[in-house]
Amino acid sequence: MLKINKKIEIFEEILLFQNSSYADIVKDKIHDYYFEQLGDANNIENFSFLNSLKNKEDVSKRIDLVVSKIIMNEHHAGFEDLLFEYMI
């Protein structure tokens, strides 16, 4: 099991990886939210949802799930509402 600091590092790495698709825009928004808008990217509490994830594959799958849910539902709900629904 990875430590939370390593999970945060993996989380950011995956969000910053670009595929030249619309998903990149959503991943940028997620990155901005967690690493810019919340104010303190070093505050581990902001990333408590990562505690339930065991490895890089789990983190990647969660990001893929959230990105797809945001793309499918962004016209129905706000960005932050969707993050809270699917990240936590």
PDB file of N, CA and C in Angstrom:
ATOM      1  N   MET A   1       0.844  -1.179   0.000  1.00  0.00           N
ATOM      2  CA  MET A   1       0.000   0.000   0.000  1.00  0.00           C
ATOM      3  C   MET A   1       0.887   1.239   0.000  1.00  0.00           C
ATOM      4  N   LEU A   2       0.560   2.174  -0.852  1.00  0.00           N
ATOM      5  CA  LEU A   2       1.330   3.404  -0.975  1.00  0.00           C
ATOM      6  C   LEU A   2       0.977   4.392   0.137  1.00  0.00           C
ATOM      7  N   LYS A   3       1.932   5.206   0.513  1.00  0.00           N
ATOM      8  CA  LYS A   3       1.687   6.276   1.475  1.00  0.00           C
ATOM      9  C   LYS A   3       0.949   7.407   0.763  1.00  0.00           C
ATOM     10  N   ILE A   4       0.238   8.210   1.539  1.00  0.00           N
ATOM     11  CA  ILE A   4      -0.602   9.264   0.972  1.00  0.00           C
ATOM     12  C   ILE A   4       0.199  10.251   0.122  1.00  0.00           C
ATOM     13  N   ASN A   5       1.403  10.595   0.535  1.00  0.00           N
ATOM     14  CA  ASN A   5       2.203  11.540  -0.255  1.00  0.00           C
ATOM     15  C   ASN A   5       2.520  10.988  -1.638  1.00  0.00           C
ATOM     16  N   LYS A   6       2.781   9.712  -1.723  1.00  0.00           N
ATOM     17  CA  LYS A   6       3.048   9.070  -3.014  1.00  0.00           C
ATOM     18  C   LYS A   6       1.777   9.030  -3.857  1.00  0.00           C
ATOM     19  N   LYS A   7       0.638   8.784  -3.217  1.00  0.00           N
ATOM     20  CA  LYS A   7      -0.637   8.773  -3.940  1.00  0.00           C
ATOM     21  C   LYS A   7      -0.945  10.149  -4.516  1.00  0.00           C
ATOM     22  N   ILE A   8      -0.651  11.192  -3.750  1.00  0.00           N
ATOM     23  CA  ILE A   8      -0.870  12.560  -4.229  1.00  0.00           C
ATOM     24  C   ILE A   8       0.024  12.833  -5.438  1.00  0.00           C
ATOM     25  N   GLU A   9       1.261  12.389  -5.354  1.00  0.00           N
ATOM     26  CA  GLU A   9       2.207  12.549  -6.460  1.00  0.00           C
ATOM     27  C   GLU A   9       1.697  11.835  -7.715  1.00  0.00           C
ATOM     28  N   ILE A  10       1.206  10.623  -7.553  1.00  0.00           N
ATOM     29  CA  ILE A  10       0.659   9.844  -8.675  1.00  0.00           C
ATOM     30  C   ILE A  10      -0.585  10.525  -9.230  1.00  0.00           C
ATOM     31  N   PHE A  11      -1.448  10.988  -8.337  1.00  0.00           N
ATOM     32  CA  PHE A  11      -2.672  11.691  -8.715  1.00  0.00           C
ATOM     33  C   PHE A  11      -2.338  12.886  -9.611  1.00  0.00           C
ATOM     34  N   GLU A  12      -1.377  13.685  -9.188  1.00  0.00           N
ATOM     35  CA  GLU A  12      -0.987  14.855  -9.977  1.00  0.00           C
ATOM     36  C   GLU A  12      -0.353  14.442 -11.306  1.00  0.00           C
ATOM     37  N   GLU A  13       0.488  13.430 -11.267  1.00  0.00           N
ATOM     38  CA  GLU A  13       1.157  12.955 -12.488  1.00  0.00           C
ATOM     39  C   GLU A  13       0.137  12.513 -13.535  1.00  0.00           C
ATOM     40  N   ILE A  14      -0.867  11.774 -13.110  1.00  0.00           N
ATOM     41  CA  ILE A  14      -1.893  11.297 -14.042  1.00  0.00           C
ATOM     42  C   ILE A  14      -2.723  12.463 -14.570  1.00  0.00           C
ATOM     43  N   LEU A  15      -3.056  13.403 -13.708  1.00  0.00           N
ATOM     44  CA  LEU A  15      -3.832  14.559 -14.157  1.00  0.00           C
ATOM     45  C   LEU A  15      -3.073  15.404 -15.169  1.00  0.00           C
ATOM     46  N   LEU A  16      -1.766  15.467 -15.033  1.00  0.00           N
ATOM     47  CA  LEU A  16      -0.962  16.298 -15.931  1.00  0.00           C
ATOM     48  C   LEU A  16      -0.616  15.612 -17.254  1.00  0.00           C
ATOM     49  N   PHE A  17      -0.807  14.290 -17.336  1.00  0.00           N
ATOM     50  CA  PHE A  17      -0.518  13.565 -18.567  1.00  0.00           C
ATOM     51  C   PHE A  17      -1.565  13.929 -19.613  1.00  0.00           C
ATOM     52  N   GLN A  18      -1.129  14.341 -20.775  1.00  0.00           N
ATOM     53  CA  GLN A  18      -2.014  14.805 -21.845  1.00  0.00           C
ATOM     54  C   GLN A  18      -2.162  13.758 -22.950  1.00  0.00           C
ATOM     55  N   ASN A  19      -3.417  13.556 -23.393  1.00  0.00           N
ATOM     56  CA  ASN A  19      -3.726  12.616 -24.476  1.00  0.00           C
ATOM     57  C   ASN A  19      -4.257  13.312 -25.716  1.00  0.00           C
ATOM     58  N   SER A  20      -4.265  14.628 -25.718  1.00  0.00           N
ATOM     59  CA  SER A  20      -4.828  15.413 -26.822  1.00  0.00           C
ATOM     60  C   SER A  20      -6.306  15.080 -27.037  1.00  0.00           C
ATOM     61  N   SER A  21      -7.060  15.081 -25.950  1.00  0.00           N
ATOM     62  CA  SER A  21      -8.492  14.815 -26.039  1.00  0.00           C
ATOM     63  C   SER A  21      -9.237  15.766 -25.108  1.00  0.00           C
ATOM     64  N   TYR A  22     -10.559  15.733 -25.197  1.00  0.00           N
ATOM     65  CA  TYR A  22     -11.381  16.573 -24.323  1.00  0.00           C
ATOM     66  C   TYR A  22     -11.145  16.230 -22.860  1.00  0.00           C
ATOM     67  N   ALA A  23     -10.817  14.994 -22.579  1.00  0.00           N
ATOM     68  CA  ALA A  23     -10.546  14.575 -21.202  1.00  0.00           C
ATOM     69  C   ALA A  23      -9.403  15.384 -20.591  1.00  0.00           C
ATOM     70  N   ASP A  24      -8.467  15.834 -21.405  1.00  0.00           N
ATOM     71  CA  ASP A  24      -7.356  16.655 -20.904  1.00  0.00           C
ATOM     72  C   ASP A  24      -7.867  17.949 -20.274  1.00  0.00           C
ATOM     73  N   ILE A  25      -8.895  18.525 -20.857  1.00  0.00           N
ATOM     74  CA  ILE A  25      -9.476  19.760 -20.324  1.00  0.00           C
ATOM     75  C   ILE A  25     -10.086  19.492 -18.951  1.00  0.00           C
ATOM     76  N   VAL A  26     -10.788  18.378 -18.834  1.00  0.00           N
ATOM     77  CA  VAL A  26     -11.407  18.013 -17.558  1.00  0.00           C
ATOM     78  C   VAL A  26     -10.330  17.712 -16.520  1.00  0.00           C
ATOM     79  N   LYS A  27      -9.294  16.979 -16.913  1.00  0.00           N
ATOM     80  CA  LYS A  27      -8.202  16.684 -15.981  1.00  0.00           C
ATOM     81  C   LYS A  27      -7.506  17.967 -15.542  1.00  0.00           C
ATOM     82  N   ASP A  28      -7.367  18.933 -16.438  1.00  0.00           N
ATOM     83  CA  ASP A  28      -6.792  20.231 -16.066  1.00  0.00           C
ATOM     84  C   ASP A  28      -7.656  20.925 -15.015  1.00  0.00           C
ATOM     85  N   LYS A  29      -8.975  20.848 -15.201  1.00  0.00           N
ATOM     86  CA  LYS A  29      -9.889  21.464 -14.231  1.00  0.00           C
ATOM     87  C   LYS A  29      -9.783  20.785 -12.875  1.00  0.00           C
ATOM     88  N   ILE A  30      -9.662  19.461 -12.881  1.00  0.00           N
ATOM     89  CA  ILE A  30      -9.518  18.724 -11.620  1.00  0.00           C
ATOM     90  C   ILE A  30      -8.198  19.108 -10.956  1.00  0.00           C
ATOM     91  N   HIS A  31      -7.132  19.163 -11.754  1.00  0.00           N
ATOM     92  CA  HIS A  31      -5.823  19.550 -11.217  1.00  0.00           C
ATOM     93  C   HIS A  31      -5.890  20.948 -10.622  1.00  0.00           C
ATOM     94  N   ASP A  32      -6.466  21.891 -11.334  1.00  0.00           N
ATOM     95  CA  ASP A  32      -6.582  23.255 -10.824  1.00  0.00           C
ATOM     96  C   ASP A  32      -7.366  23.287  -9.515  1.00  0.00           C
ATOM     97  N   TYR A  33      -8.424  22.498  -9.455  1.00  0.00           N
ATOM     98  CA  TYR A  33      -9.236  22.482  -8.237  1.00  0.00           C
ATOM     99  C   TYR A  33      -8.421  21.996  -7.037  1.00  0.00           C
ATOM    100  N   TYR A  34      -7.773  20.860  -7.189  1.00  0.00           N
ATOM    101  CA  TYR A  34      -7.052  20.275  -6.045  1.00  0.00           C
ATOM    102  C   TYR A  34      -5.719  20.945  -5.744  1.00  0.00           C
ATOM    103  N   PHE A  35      -5.033  21.447  -6.752  1.00  0.00           N
ATOM    104  CA  PHE A  35      -3.689  21.972  -6.529  1.00  0.00           C
ATOM    105  C   PHE A  35      -3.624  23.507  -6.565  1.00  0.00           C
ATOM    106  N   GLU A  36      -4.708  24.169  -6.941  1.00  0.00           N
ATOM    107  CA  GLU A  36      -4.715  25.632  -6.974  1.00  0.00           C
ATOM    108  C   GLU A  36      -5.851  26.203  -6.118  1.00  0.00           C
ATOM    109  N   GLN A  37      -7.074  25.825  -6.408  1.00  0.00           N
ATOM    110  CA  GLN A  37      -8.233  26.431  -5.756  1.00  0.00           C
ATOM    111  C   GLN A  37      -8.362  26.101  -4.275  1.00  0.00           C
ATOM    112  N   LEU A  38      -8.026  24.898  -3.883  1.00  0.00           N
ATOM    113  CA  LEU A  38      -8.156  24.542  -2.467  1.00  0.00           C
ATOM    114  C   LEU A  38      -7.138  25.279  -1.604  1.00  0.00           C
ATOM    115  N   GLY A  39      -6.179  25.894  -2.245  1.00  0.00           N
ATOM    116  CA  GLY A  39      -5.263  26.768  -1.531  1.00  0.00           C
ATOM    117  C   GLY A  39      -3.961  26.153  -1.102  1.00  0.00           C
ATOM    118  N   ASP A  40      -3.989  25.003  -0.488  1.00  0.00           N
ATOM    119  CA  ASP A  40      -2.762  24.403   0.041  1.00  0.00           C
ATOM    120  C   ASP A  40      -2.617  22.989  -0.501  1.00  0.00           C
ATOM    121  N   ALA A  41      -1.817  22.843  -1.553  1.00  0.00           N
ATOM    122  CA  ALA A  41      -1.622  21.520  -2.173  1.00  0.00           C
ATOM    123  C   ALA A  41      -0.895  20.568  -1.238  1.00  0.00           C
ATOM    124  N   ASN A  42      -0.314  21.076  -0.160  1.00  0.00           N
ATOM    125  CA  ASN A  42       0.379  20.218   0.809  1.00  0.00           C
ATOM    126  C   ASN A  42      -0.541  19.743   1.931  1.00  0.00           C
ATOM    127  N   ASN A  43      -1.797  20.189   1.917  1.00  0.00           N
ATOM    128  CA  ASN A  43      -2.750  19.777   2.941  1.00  0.00           C
ATOM    129  C   ASN A  43      -3.292  18.394   2.596  1.00  0.00           C
ATOM    130  N   ILE A  44      -2.826  17.406   3.299  1.00  0.00           N
ATOM    131  CA  ILE A  44      -3.186  16.011   3.019  1.00  0.00           C
ATOM    132  C   ILE A  44      -4.690  15.783   3.150  1.00  0.00           C
ATOM    133  N   GLU A  45      -5.357  16.541   3.988  1.00  0.00           N
ATOM    134  CA  GLU A  45      -6.801  16.379   4.167  1.00  0.00           C
ATOM    135  C   GLU A  45      -7.568  16.626   2.867  1.00  0.00           C
ATOM    136  N   ASN A  46      -7.027  17.472   1.993  1.00  0.00           N
ATOM    137  CA  ASN A  46      -7.679  17.731   0.703  1.00  0.00           C
ATOM    138  C   ASN A  46      -7.704  16.488  -0.177  1.00  0.00           C
ATOM    139  N   PHE A  47      -6.869  15.525   0.145  1.00  0.00           N
ATOM    140  CA  PHE A  47      -6.727  14.332  -0.689  1.00  0.00           C
ATOM    141  C   PHE A  47      -7.138  13.061   0.060  1.00  0.00           C
ATOM    142  N   SER A  48      -7.986  13.197   1.054  1.00  0.00           N
ATOM    143  CA  SER A  48      -8.364  12.040   1.881  1.00  0.00           C
ATOM    144  C   SER A  48      -9.048  10.946   1.071  1.00  0.00           C
ATOM    145  N   PHE A  49      -9.679  11.303  -0.046  1.00  0.00           N
ATOM    146  CA  PHE A  49     -10.322  10.302  -0.893  1.00  0.00           C
ATOM    147  C   PHE A  49      -9.310   9.284  -1.435  1.00  0.00           C
ATOM    148  N   LEU A  50      -8.031   9.650  -1.467  1.00  0.00           N
ATOM    149  CA  LEU A  50      -6.995   8.733  -1.959  1.00  0.00           C
ATOM    150  C   LEU A  50      -6.690   7.610  -0.971  1.00  0.00           C
ATOM    151  N   ASN A  51      -7.108   7.761   0.277  1.00  0.00           N
ATOM    152  CA  ASN A  51      -6.821   6.744   1.292  1.00  0.00           C
ATOM    153  C   ASN A  51      -7.391   5.375   0.929  1.00  0.00           C
ATOM    154  N   SER A  52      -8.518   5.367   0.260  1.00  0.00           N
ATOM    155  CA  SER A  52      -9.145   4.089  -0.088  1.00  0.00           C
ATOM    156  C   SER A  52      -8.522   3.424  -1.316  1.00  0.00           C
ATOM    157  N   LEU A  53      -7.632   4.136  -1.994  1.00  0.00           N
ATOM    158  CA  LEU A  53      -7.002   3.605  -3.203  1.00  0.00           C
ATOM    159  C   LEU A  53      -5.657   2.994  -2.853  1.00  0.00           C
ATOM    160  N   LYS A  54      -5.383   1.817  -3.393  1.00  0.00           N
ATOM    161  CA  LYS A  54      -4.203   1.059  -2.978  1.00  0.00           C
ATOM    162  C   LYS A  54      -2.956   1.306  -3.821  1.00  0.00           C
ATOM    163  N   ASN A  55      -3.150   1.574  -5.115  1.00  0.00           N
ATOM    164  CA  ASN A  55      -1.990   1.651  -6.004  1.00  0.00           C
ATOM    165  C   ASN A  55      -2.259   2.612  -7.163  1.00  0.00           C
ATOM    166  N   LYS A  56      -1.282   2.732  -8.053  1.00  0.00           N
ATOM    167  CA  LYS A  56      -1.386   3.655  -9.188  1.00  0.00           C
ATOM    168  C   LYS A  56      -2.565   3.297 -10.080  1.00  0.00           C
ATOM    169  N   GLU A  57      -2.804   2.030 -10.268  1.00  0.00           N
ATOM    170  CA  GLU A  57      -3.921   1.588 -11.099  1.00  0.00           C
ATOM    171  C   GLU A  57      -5.252   2.053 -10.513  1.00  0.00           C
ATOM    172  N   ASP A  58      -5.409   1.952  -9.185  1.00  0.00           N
ATOM    173  CA  ASP A  58      -6.634   2.417  -8.533  1.00  0.00           C
ATOM    174  C   ASP A  58      -6.815   3.920  -8.715  1.00  0.00           C
ATOM    175  N   VAL A  59      -5.735   4.671  -8.572  1.00  0.00           N
ATOM    176  CA  VAL A  59      -5.797   6.125  -8.737  1.00  0.00           C
ATOM    177  C   VAL A  59      -6.195   6.453 -10.178  1.00  0.00           C
ATOM    178  N   SER A  60      -5.585   5.793 -11.120  1.00  0.00           N
ATOM    179  CA  SER A  60      -5.886   6.020 -12.534  1.00  0.00           C
ATOM    180  C   SER A  60      -7.342   5.682 -12.848  1.00  0.00           C
ATOM    181  N   LYS A  61      -7.820   4.575 -12.333  1.00  0.00           N
ATOM    182  CA  LYS A  61      -9.210   4.176 -12.563  1.00  0.00           C
ATOM    183  C   LYS A  61     -10.182   5.198 -11.974  1.00  0.00           C
ATOM    184  N   ARG A  62      -9.864   5.718 -10.778  1.00  0.00           N
ATOM    185  CA  ARG A  62     -10.742   6.707 -10.163  1.00  0.00           C
ATOM    186  C   ARG A  62     -10.772   7.982 -11.002  1.00  0.00           C
ATOM    187  N   ILE A  63      -9.622   8.406 -11.465  1.00  0.00           N
ATOM    188  CA  ILE A  63      -9.572   9.606 -12.311  1.00  0.00           C
ATOM    189  C   ILE A  63     -10.362   9.372 -13.592  1.00  0.00           C
ATOM    190  N   ASP A  64     -10.184   8.227 -14.227  1.00  0.00           N
ATOM    191  CA  ASP A  64     -10.928   7.918 -15.452  1.00  0.00           C
ATOM    192  C   ASP A  64     -12.432   7.931 -15.197  1.00  0.00           C
ATOM    193  N   LEU A  65     -12.858   7.363 -14.066  1.00  0.00           N
ATOM    194  CA  LEU A  65     -14.272   7.340 -13.712  1.00  0.00           C
ATOM    195  C   LEU A  65     -14.799   8.761 -13.548  1.00  0.00           C
ATOM    196  N   VAL A  66     -14.085   9.565 -12.792  1.00  0.00           N
ATOM    197  CA  VAL A  66     -14.526  10.929 -12.523  1.00  0.00           C
ATOM    198  C   VAL A  66     -14.555  11.754 -13.809  1.00  0.00           C
ATOM    199  N   VAL A  67     -13.526  11.630 -14.624  1.00  0.00           N
ATOM    200  CA  VAL A  67     -13.490  12.375 -15.888  1.00  0.00           C
ATOM    201  C   VAL A  67     -14.676  11.978 -16.759  1.00  0.00           C
ATOM    202  N   SER A  68     -14.946  10.694 -16.874  1.00  0.00           N
ATOM    203  CA  SER A  68     -16.069  10.261 -17.726  1.00  0.00           C
ATOM    204  C   SER A  68     -17.408  10.725 -17.154  1.00  0.00           C
ATOM    205  N   LYS A  69     -17.567  10.676 -15.845  1.00  0.00           N
ATOM    206  CA  LYS A  69     -18.817  11.135 -15.221  1.00  0.00           C
ATOM    207  C   LYS A  69     -19.003  12.633 -15.425  1.00  0.00           C
ATOM    208  N   ILE A  70     -17.926  13.397 -15.322  1.00  0.00           N
ATOM    209  CA  ILE A  70     -18.016  14.846 -15.539  1.00  0.00           C
ATOM    210  C   ILE A  70     -18.383  15.127 -16.991  1.00  0.00           C
ATOM    211  N   ILE A  71     -17.747  14.451 -17.923  1.00  0.00           N
ATOM    212  CA  ILE A  71     -18.050  14.669 -19.346  1.00  0.00           C
ATOM    213  C   ILE A  71     -19.510  14.316 -19.641  1.00  0.00           C
ATOM    214  N   MET A  72     -19.985  13.216 -19.083  1.00  0.00           N
ATOM    215  CA  MET A  72     -21.357  12.779 -19.343  1.00  0.00           C
ATOM    216  C   MET A  72     -22.402  13.654 -18.654  1.00  0.00           C
ATOM    217  N   ASN A  73     -22.050  14.253 -17.522  1.00  0.00           N
ATOM    218  CA  ASN A  73     -23.054  14.952 -16.716  1.00  0.00           C
ATOM    219  C   ASN A  73     -22.809  16.439 -16.524  1.00  0.00           C
ATOM    220  N   GLU A  74     -21.821  17.006 -17.200  1.00  0.00           N
ATOM    221  CA  GLU A  74     -21.479  18.393 -16.927  1.00  0.00           C
ATOM    222  C   GLU A  74     -22.593  19.375 -17.260  1.00  0.00           C
ATOM    223  N   HIS A  75     -23.489  19.006 -18.137  1.00  0.00           N
ATOM    224  CA  HIS A  75     -24.597  19.891 -18.468  1.00  0.00           C
ATOM    225  C   HIS A  75     -25.733  19.791 -17.441  1.00  0.00           C
ATOM    226  N   HIS A  76     -25.685  18.781 -16.554  1.00  0.00           N
ATOM    227  CA  HIS A  76     -26.723  18.592 -15.539  1.00  0.00           C
ATOM    228  C   HIS A  76     -26.318  19.119 -14.171  1.00  0.00           C
ATOM    229  N   ALA A  77     -25.043  19.111 -13.886  1.00  0.00           N
ATOM    230  CA  ALA A  77     -24.580  19.490 -12.546  1.00  0.00           C
ATOM    231  C   ALA A  77     -23.309  20.316 -12.662  1.00  0.00           C
ATOM    232  N   GLY A  78     -22.995  21.008 -11.586  1.00  0.00           N
ATOM    233  CA  GLY A  78     -21.779  21.803 -11.559  1.00  0.00           C
ATOM    234  C   GLY A  78     -20.545  20.932 -11.393  1.00  0.00           C
ATOM    235  N   PHE A  79     -19.435  21.456 -11.843  1.00  0.00           N
ATOM    236  CA  PHE A  79     -18.165  20.734 -11.792  1.00  0.00           C
ATOM    237  C   PHE A  79     -17.831  20.264 -10.374  1.00  0.00           C
ATOM    238  N   GLU A  80     -17.887  21.162  -9.393  1.00  0.00           N
ATOM    239  CA  GLU A  80     -17.541  20.794  -8.014  1.00  0.00           C
ATOM    240  C   GLU A  80     -18.507  19.772  -7.438  1.00  0.00           C
ATOM    241  N   ASP A  81     -19.786  19.877  -7.787  1.00  0.00           N
ATOM    242  CA  ASP A  81     -20.765  18.890  -7.313  1.00  0.00           C
ATOM    243  C   ASP A  81     -20.412  17.496  -7.813  1.00  0.00           C
ATOM    244  N   LEU A  82     -20.010  17.409  -9.066  1.00  0.00           N
ATOM    245  CA  LEU A  82     -19.638  16.120  -9.640  1.00  0.00           C
ATOM    246  C   LEU A  82     -18.348  15.595  -9.008  1.00  0.00           C
ATOM    247  N   LEU A  83     -17.395  16.482  -8.729  1.00  0.00           N
ATOM    248  CA  LEU A  83     -16.168  16.050  -8.051  1.00  0.00           C
ATOM    249  C   LEU A  83     -16.485  15.441  -6.703  1.00  0.00           C
ATOM    250  N   PHE A  84     -17.314  16.120  -5.923  1.00  0.00           N
ATOM    251  CA  PHE A  84     -17.655  15.616  -4.598  1.00  0.00           C
ATOM    252  C   PHE A  84     -18.406  14.299  -4.675  1.00  0.00           C
ATOM    253  N   GLU A  85     -19.257  14.167  -5.666  1.00  0.00           N
ATOM    254  CA  GLU A  85     -20.048  12.940  -5.798  1.00  0.00           C
ATOM    255  C   GLU A  85     -19.184  11.723  -6.136  1.00  0.00           C
ATOM    256  N   TYR A  86     -18.205  11.905  -7.020  1.00  0.00           N
ATOM    257  CA  TYR A  86     -17.454  10.765  -7.514  1.00  0.00           C
ATOM    258  C   TYR A  86     -16.040  10.614  -6.938  1.00  0.00           C
ATOM    259  N   MET A  87     -15.482  11.646  -6.343  1.00  0.00           N
ATOM    260  CA  MET A  87     -14.142  11.527  -5.775  1.00  0.00           C
ATOM    261  C   MET A  87     -14.181  10.925  -4.382  1.00  0.00           C
ATOM    262  N   ILE A  88     -15.194  11.269  -3.652  1.00  0.00           N
ATOM    263  CA  ILE A  88     -15.239  10.845  -2.245  1.00  0.00           C
ATOM    264  C   ILE A  88     -15.950   9.525  -2.102  1.00  0.00           C
TER     265      ILE A  88
END
